[in-house]
Protein backbone atom coordinates (compact mmCIF):
# COMPACT_ATOMS: atom_id res chain seq x y z
CA UNK A 1 -17.02 -5.56 11.64
CA UNK A 2 -14.62 -3.11 10.03
CA UNK A 3 -13.69 -3.60 6.40
CA UNK A 4 -10.21 -4.92 5.65
CA UNK A 5 -9.88 -2.58 2.66
CA UNK A 6 -10.85 1.08 2.42
CA UNK A 7 -10.28 3.52 -0.42
CA UNK A 8 -10.89 7.13 0.61
CA UNK A 9 -10.00 10.76 -0.05
CA UNK A 10 -9.63 11.76 3.61
CA UNK A 11 -6.53 11.17 5.71
CA UNK A 12 -6.36 8.26 8.17
CA UNK A 13 -5.22 7.97 11.79
CA UNK A 14 -2.63 5.19 12.02
CA UNK A 15 -3.13 4.67 15.78
CA UNK A 16 -6.89 4.31 15.34
CA UNK A 17 -6.49 1.91 12.41
CA UNK A 18 -4.04 -0.31 14.32
CA UNK A 19 -6.21 -0.32 17.44
CA UNK A 20 -9.24 -1.28 15.35
CA UNK A 21 -7.28 -4.03 13.62
CA UNK A 22 -6.17 -5.48 16.97
CA UNK A 23 -9.68 -5.10 18.45
CA UNK A 24 -8.77 -6.71 21.78
CA UNK A 25 -7.67 -9.92 20.05
CA UNK A 26 -5.61 -11.53 22.82
CA UNK A 27 -3.91 -13.88 20.34
CA UNK A 28 -2.04 -10.94 18.79
CA UNK A 29 1.63 -10.83 19.72
CA UNK A 30 2.78 -8.71 16.78
CA UNK A 31 1.49 -5.83 14.69
CA UNK A 32 3.46 -4.78 11.64
CA UNK A 33 2.56 -1.73 9.60
CA UNK A 34 3.75 0.26 6.62
CA UNK A 35 2.75 3.86 5.89
CA UNK A 36 3.58 5.32 2.49
CA UNK A 37 3.78 9.09 2.06
CA UNK A 38 4.15 11.52 -0.83
CA UNK A 39 7.78 12.49 -1.44
CA UNK A 40 8.65 16.04 -2.44
CA UNK A 41 11.00 14.86 -5.19
CA UNK A 42 10.83 12.28 -7.94
CA UNK A 43 13.20 9.36 -7.50
CA UNK A 44 14.71 8.77 -10.93
CA UNK A 45 17.66 6.43 -11.50
CA UNK A 46 18.60 6.60 -7.84
CA UNK A 47 18.84 10.38 -7.77
CA UNK A 48 16.26 12.85 -6.56
CA UNK A 49 15.11 15.14 -9.34
CA UNK A 50 12.19 17.44 -10.15
CA UNK A 51 10.17 18.76 -7.27
CA UNK A 52 6.78 17.11 -6.82
CA UNK A 53 4.13 19.72 -6.13
CA UNK A 54 1.20 17.32 -5.90
CA UNK A 55 0.14 13.79 -6.73
CA UNK A 56 -3.22 12.67 -8.09
CA UNK A 57 -4.34 9.11 -7.48
CA UNK A 58 -7.20 7.52 -9.38
CA UNK A 59 -8.75 4.08 -9.11
CA UNK A 60 -11.55 1.94 -10.44
CA UNK A 61 -14.16 1.80 -7.59
CA UNK A 62 -15.25 -1.71 -6.71
CA UNK A 63 -12.52 -3.37 -8.76
CA UNK A 64 -9.78 -1.85 -6.60
CA UNK A 65 -11.24 -3.12 -3.33
CA UNK A 66 -11.89 -6.56 -4.82
CA UNK A 67 -8.30 -6.73 -6.09
CA UNK A 68 -6.82 -5.83 -2.70
CA UNK A 69 -9.12 -8.31 -0.92
CA UNK A 70 -7.78 -11.01 -3.26
CA UNK A 71 -4.23 -9.96 -2.32
CA UNK A 72 -5.05 -10.41 1.36
CA UNK A 73 -6.47 -13.87 0.63
CA UNK A 74 -3.27 -14.76 -1.26
CA UNK A 75 -1.21 -13.56 1.72
CA UNK A 76 -3.28 -15.83 4.01
CA UNK A 77 -2.28 -18.81 1.86
CA UNK A 78 1.40 -17.95 2.34
CA UNK A 79 1.65 -16.63 5.91
CA UNK A 80 0.16 -17.36 9.33
CA UNK A 81 -1.48 -14.11 10.41
CA UNK A 82 -4.77 -13.08 12.01
CA UNK A 83 -5.86 -9.84 10.41
CA UNK A 84 -4.91 -7.33 7.75
CA UNK A 85 -5.96 -3.82 6.89
CA UNK A 86 -5.22 -1.72 3.81
CA UNK A 87 -6.28 1.92 3.68
CA UNK A 88 -5.44 3.77 0.49
CA UNK A 89 -6.14 7.38 -0.36
CA UNK A 90 -7.15 8.74 -3.74
CA UNK A 91 -7.54 12.24 -5.09
CA UNK A 92 -5.09 15.12 -4.84
CA UNK A 93 -2.29 14.68 -2.30
CA UNK A 94 0.59 16.98 -1.33
CA UNK A 95 4.16 16.21 -0.24
CA UNK A 96 4.24 14.58 3.24
CA UNK A 97 0.58 13.45 2.97
CA UNK A 98 -0.09 9.82 3.88
CA UNK A 99 -1.02 7.68 0.89
CA UNK A 100 -1.36 4.11 2.13
CA UNK A 101 -1.43 2.01 5.28
CA UNK A 102 -0.78 -1.73 5.18
CA UNK A 103 -1.05 -3.45 8.57
CA UNK A 104 -0.99 -7.07 9.70
CA UNK A 105 -1.46 -8.84 13.05
CA UNK A 106 -0.13 -12.25 14.00
CA UNK A 107 1.06 -14.29 16.95
CA UNK A 108 4.73 -13.66 16.14
CA UNK A 109 6.69 -10.84 14.49
CA UNK A 110 8.17 -12.91 11.68
CA UNK A 111 4.83 -13.71 10.09
CA UNK A 112 3.63 -10.11 10.52
CA UNK A 113 6.75 -8.71 8.86
CA UNK A 114 6.59 -11.16 5.95
CA UNK A 115 2.85 -10.74 5.35
CA UNK A 116 3.06 -6.95 5.56
CA UNK A 117 5.98 -6.80 3.13
CA UNK A 118 4.30 -9.24 0.75
CA UNK A 119 1.08 -7.21 0.76
CA UNK A 120 2.98 -3.97 0.15
CA UNK A 121 5.03 -5.42 -2.72
CA UNK A 122 1.96 -7.03 -4.27
CA UNK A 123 -0.15 -3.91 -3.78
CA UNK A 124 2.48 -1.58 -5.28
CA UNK A 125 2.39 -3.30 -8.66
CA UNK A 126 -0.92 -5.17 -8.83
CA UNK A 127 -3.56 -2.87 -7.33
CA UNK A 128 -5.47 -0.88 -9.97
CA UNK A 129 -4.35 2.64 -9.08
CA UNK A 130 -3.12 5.31 -11.46
CA UNK A 131 -0.74 7.96 -10.19
CA UNK A 132 0.01 11.32 -11.80
CA UNK A 133 2.69 13.62 -10.41
CA UNK A 134 2.63 17.39 -10.86
CA UNK A 135 6.05 19.04 -11.18
CA UNK A 136 7.20 22.50 -12.32
CA UNK A 137 7.89 20.88 -15.72
CA UNK A 138 4.30 19.58 -15.97
CA UNK A 139 2.27 16.51 -15.11
CA UNK A 140 3.17 12.91 -15.95
CA UNK A 141 1.76 9.48 -15.21
CA UNK A 142 3.96 7.25 -13.04
CA UNK A 143 4.88 3.75 -14.25
CA UNK A 144 5.96 0.83 -12.09
CA UNK A 145 9.68 0.85 -11.45
CA UNK A 146 12.01 -2.07 -12.09
CA UNK A 147 12.68 -2.28 -8.33
CA UNK A 148 8.94 -2.77 -7.73
CA UNK A 149 8.88 -5.60 -10.28
CA UNK A 150 11.91 -7.24 -8.66
CA UNK A 151 10.29 -7.01 -5.23
CA UNK A 152 7.22 -8.79 -6.57
CA UNK A 153 9.30 -11.42 -8.39
CA UNK A 154 11.00 -12.51 -5.17
CA UNK A 155 7.57 -13.72 -4.00
CA UNK A 156 7.25 -15.82 -7.19
CA UNK A 157 4.75 -13.47 -8.84
CA UNK A 158 5.14 -12.15 -12.37
CA UNK A 159 4.04 -8.61 -13.14
CA UNK A 160 0.75 -8.65 -15.02
CA UNK A 161 0.53 -6.56 -18.15
CA UNK A 162 -1.81 -3.59 -17.94
């Protein structure tokens, strides 16, 4: 059995991850996935500013995986899907590098889309990751954006205080 959640420094192969998630499950009629990548520019107030040279992601081993597993269980209470997989990278990443994969299988596309979007919104604000961006002006820690909080709120979840 493959774990539903993996935190790793190395890159991941999306095709391999999706094939493993499906694993010849003949019930699956839909697979929905999201892949997040490192942008080369900061998105501030709707405008692209300051070149991003690298991003450093840190996490709390053990707690991070447990937190994401709980998110998947919450998604199962809300949506009818078969399987989910979250792969998240940590360490130093460069522009265009893959950061995260969120994938969901279900019988029908609607449930896959909803569950995948829910997991991504939940993950973006609730998973215990810390992100630092390196720019020509220096390094800074990245805070959750208002748009991320609004995305979470539409699922009826309030942002927890760090």
